Amino acid sequence: MVRGRGLRRLHATVRLPWPATPGDVRGHFKPGGALPFLAIPANELADSHADLSELWGPAAQEFRQRLFQALEPQERFAIAEHFLRERLRCGHLPHSAISAAVGMLSNTTSVSAVAAEVGFSHRHFIKLFVQQVGLPPKRVGRLLRFQRALNTVRTTDLS
């Protein structure tokens, strides 16, 4: 199952029926990072659930079967890494401007300034950003700055 949520927009979870052993394999992608693995625009999964078979086709069933047969967590991670690497070779890489923009948005509130810096019109930048990240750039910037503030509070010694 793949579901969209928050800044870590896409969580990939494969549930396996082990009664005594945790059987979930979860992957968290950075903003814009899920595109090569899912091969559909991130905004199509925003605030929704999709079965992995809807995204990967027959490869999802093979992935589940191999995970189910694995006995050790290390083996499950190796299987997951193998399947993700295979998807990466076939997938579409995110636009380098979007990766750069995510970094810039953590330091500025001006989407127009970021769009100009990466060389896109405001409208085109927002459209491409939403397709690849799943959220509008202004919201991503807010979330990144909020996360930075939380990390600052957590790491500040208040004693």
Protein backbone atom coordinates (compact mmCIF):
# COMPACT_ATOMS: atom_id res chain seq x y z
CA MET A 1 0.00 0.00 0.00
CA VAL A 2 1.26 3.46 -0.78
CA ARG A 3 -0.25 6.45 0.93
CA GLY A 4 0.33 10.16 0.82
CA ARG A 5 0.80 12.16 4.00
CA GLY A 6 2.51 15.40 5.07
CA LEU A 7 5.94 16.43 3.85
CA ARG A 8 7.13 12.89 3.73
CA ARG A 9 4.41 12.57 1.18
CA LEU A 10 4.77 8.98 0.15
CA HIS A 11 5.08 6.08 2.51
CA ALA A 12 5.41 2.66 0.91
CA THR A 13 4.19 -0.14 3.14
CA VAL A 14 3.97 -3.81 2.27
CA ARG A 15 2.08 -5.75 4.90
CA LEU A 16 2.88 -9.42 5.31
CA PRO A 17 0.90 -11.92 7.39
CA TRP A 18 3.44 -12.90 10.06
CA PRO A 19 1.73 -13.51 13.38
CA ALA A 20 4.84 -13.22 15.58
CA THR A 21 7.24 -11.16 13.46
CA PRO A 22 6.76 -7.59 12.33
CA GLY A 23 6.31 -7.89 8.59
CA ASP A 24 6.10 -4.32 7.39
CA VAL A 25 8.68 -2.87 5.09
CA ARG A 26 8.37 0.89 4.96
CA GLY A 27 10.12 3.40 2.81
CA HIS A 28 10.16 7.16 3.34
CA PHE A 29 11.12 9.33 0.40
CA LYS A 30 12.42 12.86 0.54
CA PRO A 31 10.27 15.47 -1.21
CA GLY A 32 10.32 14.60 -4.89
CA GLY A 33 12.19 11.35 -4.26
CA ALA A 34 9.36 8.89 -4.88
CA LEU A 35 8.91 9.78 -8.54
CA PRO A 36 11.51 7.34 -9.96
CA PHE A 37 10.11 4.44 -7.94
CA LEU A 38 6.42 4.98 -8.56
CA ALA A 39 6.52 6.32 -12.14
CA ILE A 40 3.43 8.48 -11.69
CA PRO A 41 3.18 12.10 -10.62
CA ALA A 42 3.32 12.44 -6.82
CA ASN A 43 0.22 14.65 -6.77
CA GLU A 44 -1.84 11.70 -8.07
CA LEU A 45 -1.17 9.92 -4.77
CA ALA A 46 -1.64 12.92 -2.51
CA ASP A 47 -4.02 12.16 0.35
CA SER A 48 -4.88 8.74 -1.03
CA HIS A 49 -4.11 5.04 -0.73
CA ALA A 50 -3.00 2.81 -3.59
CA ASP A 51 -2.05 -0.82 -3.63
CA LEU A 52 1.51 -1.39 -4.78
CA SER A 53 0.21 -3.69 -7.53
CA GLU A 54 -1.60 -0.71 -9.04
CA LEU A 55 1.75 1.07 -9.33
CA TRP A 56 4.17 -1.77 -10.08
CA GLY A 57 1.92 -4.34 -11.75
CA PRO A 58 3.09 -7.99 -11.53
CA ALA A 59 6.42 -6.94 -9.99
CA ALA A 60 4.54 -6.05 -6.79
CA GLN A 61 3.35 -9.64 -6.33
CA GLU A 62 6.87 -10.97 -6.84
CA PHE A 63 8.14 -8.38 -4.35
CA ARG A 64 5.57 -9.47 -1.75
CA GLN A 65 6.32 -13.16 -2.27
CA ARG A 66 10.07 -12.67 -1.88
CA LEU A 67 9.56 -10.58 1.27
CA PHE A 68 7.23 -13.22 2.69
CA GLN A 69 9.85 -15.93 2.11
CA ALA A 70 12.61 -13.94 3.80
CA LEU A 71 13.21 -15.01 7.37
CA GLU A 72 15.49 -12.26 8.63
CA PRO A 73 15.00 -8.47 8.62
CA GLN A 74 18.37 -8.00 6.88
CA GLU A 75 17.20 -10.27 4.08
CA ARG A 76 13.96 -8.28 3.73
CA PHE A 77 15.91 -5.03 3.48
CA ALA A 78 18.20 -6.54 0.83
CA ILE A 79 15.16 -7.63 -1.19
CA ALA A 80 13.57 -4.21 -0.85
CA GLU A 81 16.81 -2.53 -1.91
CA HIS A 82 17.08 -4.80 -4.95
CA PHE A 83 13.52 -4.06 -6.10
CA LEU A 84 13.93 -0.32 -5.54
CA ARG A 85 17.19 -0.30 -7.52
CA GLU A 86 15.42 -2.09 -10.37
CA ARG A 87 12.61 0.50 -10.29
CA LEU A 88 15.18 3.29 -10.22
CA ARG A 89 16.75 2.05 -13.46
CA CYS A 90 13.35 2.11 -15.18
CA GLY A 91 11.93 5.23 -13.55
CA HIS A 92 11.97 8.90 -14.38
CA LEU A 93 14.44 10.95 -12.41
CA PRO A 94 13.14 14.10 -10.74
CA HIS A 95 14.08 17.37 -12.39
CA SER A 96 17.31 18.69 -10.88
CA ALA A 97 15.71 22.12 -10.48
CA ILE A 98 13.08 20.65 -8.16
CA SER A 99 15.75 19.04 -5.97
CA ALA A 100 17.56 22.37 -5.77
CA ALA A 101 14.30 24.20 -5.08
CA VAL A 102 13.48 21.99 -2.09
CA GLY A 103 16.76 23.06 -0.50
CA MET A 104 16.11 26.72 -1.24
CA LEU A 105 12.58 26.62 0.16
CA SER A 106 13.87 25.79 3.63
CA ASN A 107 15.55 29.22 3.71
CA THR A 108 13.07 31.52 1.97
CA THR A 109 9.35 32.19 1.84
CA SER A 110 9.37 33.53 -1.72
CA VAL A 111 8.25 30.93 -4.23
CA SER A 112 8.72 33.50 -7.01
CA ALA A 113 12.37 33.99 -6.02
CA VAL A 114 13.00 30.25 -6.03
CA ALA A 115 11.25 29.85 -9.41
CA ALA A 116 13.38 32.62 -10.88
CA GLU A 117 16.55 31.12 -9.37
CA VAL A 118 15.91 27.71 -10.99
CA GLY A 119 14.94 29.36 -14.29
CA PHE A 120 11.20 28.69 -14.53
CA SER A 121 8.16 30.89 -14.74
CA HIS A 122 6.17 31.00 -11.50
CA ARG A 123 3.28 28.99 -12.98
CA HIS A 124 5.45 26.32 -14.63
CA PHE A 125 7.55 25.94 -11.48
CA ILE A 126 4.50 25.34 -9.28
CA LYS A 127 3.02 22.82 -11.74
CA LEU A 128 6.27 20.84 -12.03
CA PHE A 129 6.90 21.02 -8.27
CA VAL A 130 3.44 19.68 -7.41
CA GLN A 131 3.79 16.85 -9.94
CA GLN A 132 7.11 15.75 -8.55
CA VAL A 133 6.74 16.48 -4.83
CA GLY A 134 3.00 16.15 -4.33
CA LEU A 135 2.59 19.42 -2.44
CA PRO A 136 2.76 23.06 -3.52
CA PRO A 137 6.16 24.69 -2.94
CA LYS A 138 4.84 27.23 -0.45
CA ARG A 139 3.50 24.47 1.81
CA VAL A 140 6.73 22.47 1.49
CA GLY A 141 8.72 25.55 2.47
CA ARG A 142 6.54 26.09 5.53
CA LEU A 143 6.90 22.46 6.56
CA LEU A 144 10.67 22.49 6.06
CA ARG A 145 11.04 25.66 8.13
CA PHE A 146 8.76 24.22 10.82
CA GLN A 147 10.82 21.02 10.93
CA ARG A 148 14.01 23.08 11.24
CA ALA A 149 12.47 25.05 14.14
CA LEU A 150 11.44 21.80 15.86
CA ASN A 151 14.95 20.40 15.47
CA THR A 152 16.40 23.61 16.92
CA VAL A 153 14.11 23.35 19.95
CA ARG A 154 14.92 19.66 20.41
CA THR A 155 18.67 20.22 20.28
CA THR A 156 18.76 23.38 22.39
CA ASP A 157 19.84 22.79 25.97
CA LEU A 158 17.24 24.57 28.08
CA SER A 159 18.84 23.75 31.44
